[in-house]
Structure formats: C-alpha cells, structure tokens
Protein backbone atom coordinates (compact mmCIF):
# COMPACT_ATOMS: atom_id res chain seq x y z
CA UNK A 1 -33.27 25.00 5.91
CA UNK A 2 -32.49 21.20 4.49
CA UNK A 3 -31.01 19.83 1.22
CA UNK A 4 -32.93 19.59 -1.56
CA UNK A 5 -33.80 16.17 -3.20
CA UNK A 6 -31.28 14.86 -5.76
CA UNK A 7 -31.81 12.21 -8.39
CA UNK A 8 -30.92 9.22 -8.02
CA UNK A 9 -28.96 7.81 -10.80
CA UNK A 10 -25.37 6.23 -11.84
CA UNK A 11 -22.73 9.44 -11.27
CA UNK A 12 -21.24 9.47 -14.44
CA UNK A 13 -17.73 11.25 -13.73
CA UNK A 14 -16.03 8.82 -11.94
CA UNK A 15 -14.12 11.34 -9.53
CA UNK A 16 -17.22 13.08 -8.19
CA UNK A 17 -18.75 9.38 -8.24
CA UNK A 18 -15.65 8.23 -5.31
CA UNK A 19 -16.29 10.81 -3.65
CA UNK A 20 -19.55 10.55 -2.75
CA UNK A 21 -19.11 5.96 -2.33
CA UNK A 22 -17.07 7.94 0.47
CA UNK A 23 -19.24 10.05 1.55
CA UNK A 24 -22.06 8.01 1.51
CA UNK A 25 -20.25 4.71 2.53
CA UNK A 26 -19.29 6.95 6.16
CA UNK A 27 -23.22 7.92 6.68
CA UNK A 28 -24.15 3.85 6.38
CA UNK A 29 -21.15 2.24 8.65
CA UNK A 30 -22.38 6.02 10.84
CA UNK A 31 -25.98 4.47 10.74
CA UNK A 32 -24.74 1.01 10.78
CA UNK A 33 -23.60 1.87 14.65
CA UNK A 34 -25.99 3.76 15.96
CA UNK A 35 -29.13 1.29 15.11
CA UNK A 36 -26.30 -1.89 16.74
CA UNK A 37 -25.88 0.81 19.80
CA UNK A 38 -29.80 1.78 19.80
CA UNK A 39 -31.16 -1.53 20.06
CA UNK A 40 -29.13 -4.45 20.32
CA UNK A 41 -28.96 -4.99 16.56
CA UNK A 42 -26.20 -7.55 15.09
CA UNK A 43 -25.53 -5.78 11.80
CA UNK A 44 -23.33 -7.06 9.19
CA UNK A 45 -22.61 -4.18 6.09
CA UNK A 46 -19.95 -5.54 3.06
CA UNK A 47 -19.74 -3.39 0.39
CA UNK A 48 -17.23 -3.22 -2.31
CA UNK A 49 -16.22 -0.04 -4.33
CA UNK A 50 -16.17 0.65 -8.20
CA UNK A 51 -12.39 0.34 -7.75
CA UNK A 52 -12.33 -3.05 -5.90
CA UNK A 53 -11.79 -1.43 -2.67
CA UNK A 54 -13.68 -3.75 0.23
CA UNK A 55 -15.46 -2.01 2.87
CA UNK A 56 -17.44 -4.09 6.57
CA UNK A 57 -18.76 -3.19 9.56
CA UNK A 58 -20.33 -5.86 12.10
CA UNK A 59 -21.67 -5.05 15.65
CA UNK A 60 -19.44 -5.94 18.96
CA UNK A 61 -20.77 -8.53 20.09
CA UNK A 62 -19.50 -11.77 21.93
CA UNK A 63 -20.24 -13.69 18.82
CA UNK A 64 -20.88 -11.23 16.17
CA UNK A 65 -18.86 -11.55 13.10
CA UNK A 66 -19.41 -11.66 8.93
CA UNK A 67 -19.14 -15.32 9.10
CA UNK A 68 -21.87 -15.26 12.42
CA UNK A 69 -24.38 -13.72 10.86
CA UNK A 70 -24.40 -15.00 7.35
CA UNK A 71 -24.96 -18.39 9.50
CA UNK A 72 -27.54 -17.36 11.47
CA UNK A 73 -28.96 -15.91 8.03
CA UNK A 74 -28.81 -19.38 6.56
CA UNK A 75 -30.51 -20.48 9.27
CA UNK A 76 -33.01 -17.78 8.97
CA UNK A 77 -34.05 -18.60 5.19
CA UNK A 78 -33.69 -22.25 5.56
CA UNK A 79 -30.61 -22.96 3.59
CA UNK A 80 -26.93 -23.75 3.32
CA UNK A 81 -24.69 -21.17 1.42
CA UNK A 82 -22.13 -22.86 1.96
CA UNK A 83 -22.65 -26.62 1.66
CA UNK A 84 -23.96 -25.24 -1.98
CA UNK A 85 -20.32 -23.24 -2.45
CA UNK A 86 -18.49 -26.80 -1.18
CA UNK A 87 -21.23 -29.37 -3.47
CA UNK A 88 -19.80 -26.79 -6.52
CA UNK A 89 -16.02 -27.00 -5.62
CA UNK A 90 -16.60 -30.39 -5.94
CA UNK A 91 -17.71 -31.52 -8.96
CA UNK A 92 -14.74 -28.94 -10.65
CA UNK A 93 -12.26 -30.59 -8.18
CA UNK A 94 -13.62 -34.29 -10.01
CA UNK A 95 -13.49 -32.78 -13.54
CA UNK A 96 -10.60 -30.72 -13.83
CA UNK A 97 -9.27 -34.56 -12.23
CA UNK A 98 -11.18 -36.52 -15.51
CA UNK A 99 -9.58 -32.69 -18.03
CA UNK A 100 -5.87 -33.99 -16.05
CA UNK A 101 -6.94 -37.88 -16.41
CA UNK A 102 -8.16 -38.01 -20.19
CA UNK A 103 -4.18 -35.71 -21.28
CA UNK A 104 -2.28 -37.60 -19.26
CA UNK A 105 -3.79 -40.89 -20.93
CA UNK A 106 -3.20 -38.70 -24.72
CA UNK A 107 1.12 -37.93 -23.57
CA UNK A 108 1.25 -41.30 -22.77
C-alpha cells in the first residue's frame, strides 16, 4: 500500500517546512546520484533553503564541476552568462568611478 498524494502548496509551519526540505533534498540528491550511475549523465544541482543554506551536488567525473556544467549549458543555448555578468560589473565600475570623480571635484 502506497502513500496518499499530498496537495503541493507552501507549508506554512516553518519547522515542518524545514523538515520537508531536508527530507526532499536528500531524495533529490539520491536521484541525481542514481541518474549519474545508471545513465552516465553529468548532473549538477544547486539549492538554497529558505534559511539561505547552500547545498550542491555535482556528478563525479574527470571534468565535472558546477562551473564546467554551466559552461556546457552556455554553449548549448548559445549565450554567455559569464560575459554578461562581466559586462554588468564593468558598467557598474564605470558608473562608480564617475560618481567618485564628481565627488572629488565637489570637495575641492
């Protein structure tokens, strides 16, 4: 006899929510490991709990890393997440330099 289906909705009780997250996190990590072994797939999982705690899984392999899988993802979809991030940081840096220059001239 199997378990009954539950309604998928947000768990209001914080303690119950954290317990459920912990149990389901273990389950999804187990499934990822199984998928890696059975199908020789490269799998990466990144999760953050509601408290901000970080958990990750990356299948074992010669060149498997979270960054490596993101790089392959970028190639597959034809975009570059890292370049966009770099360009955003360059724009922010330029903007902050302008503000700094203006403030220095005001002080004089």
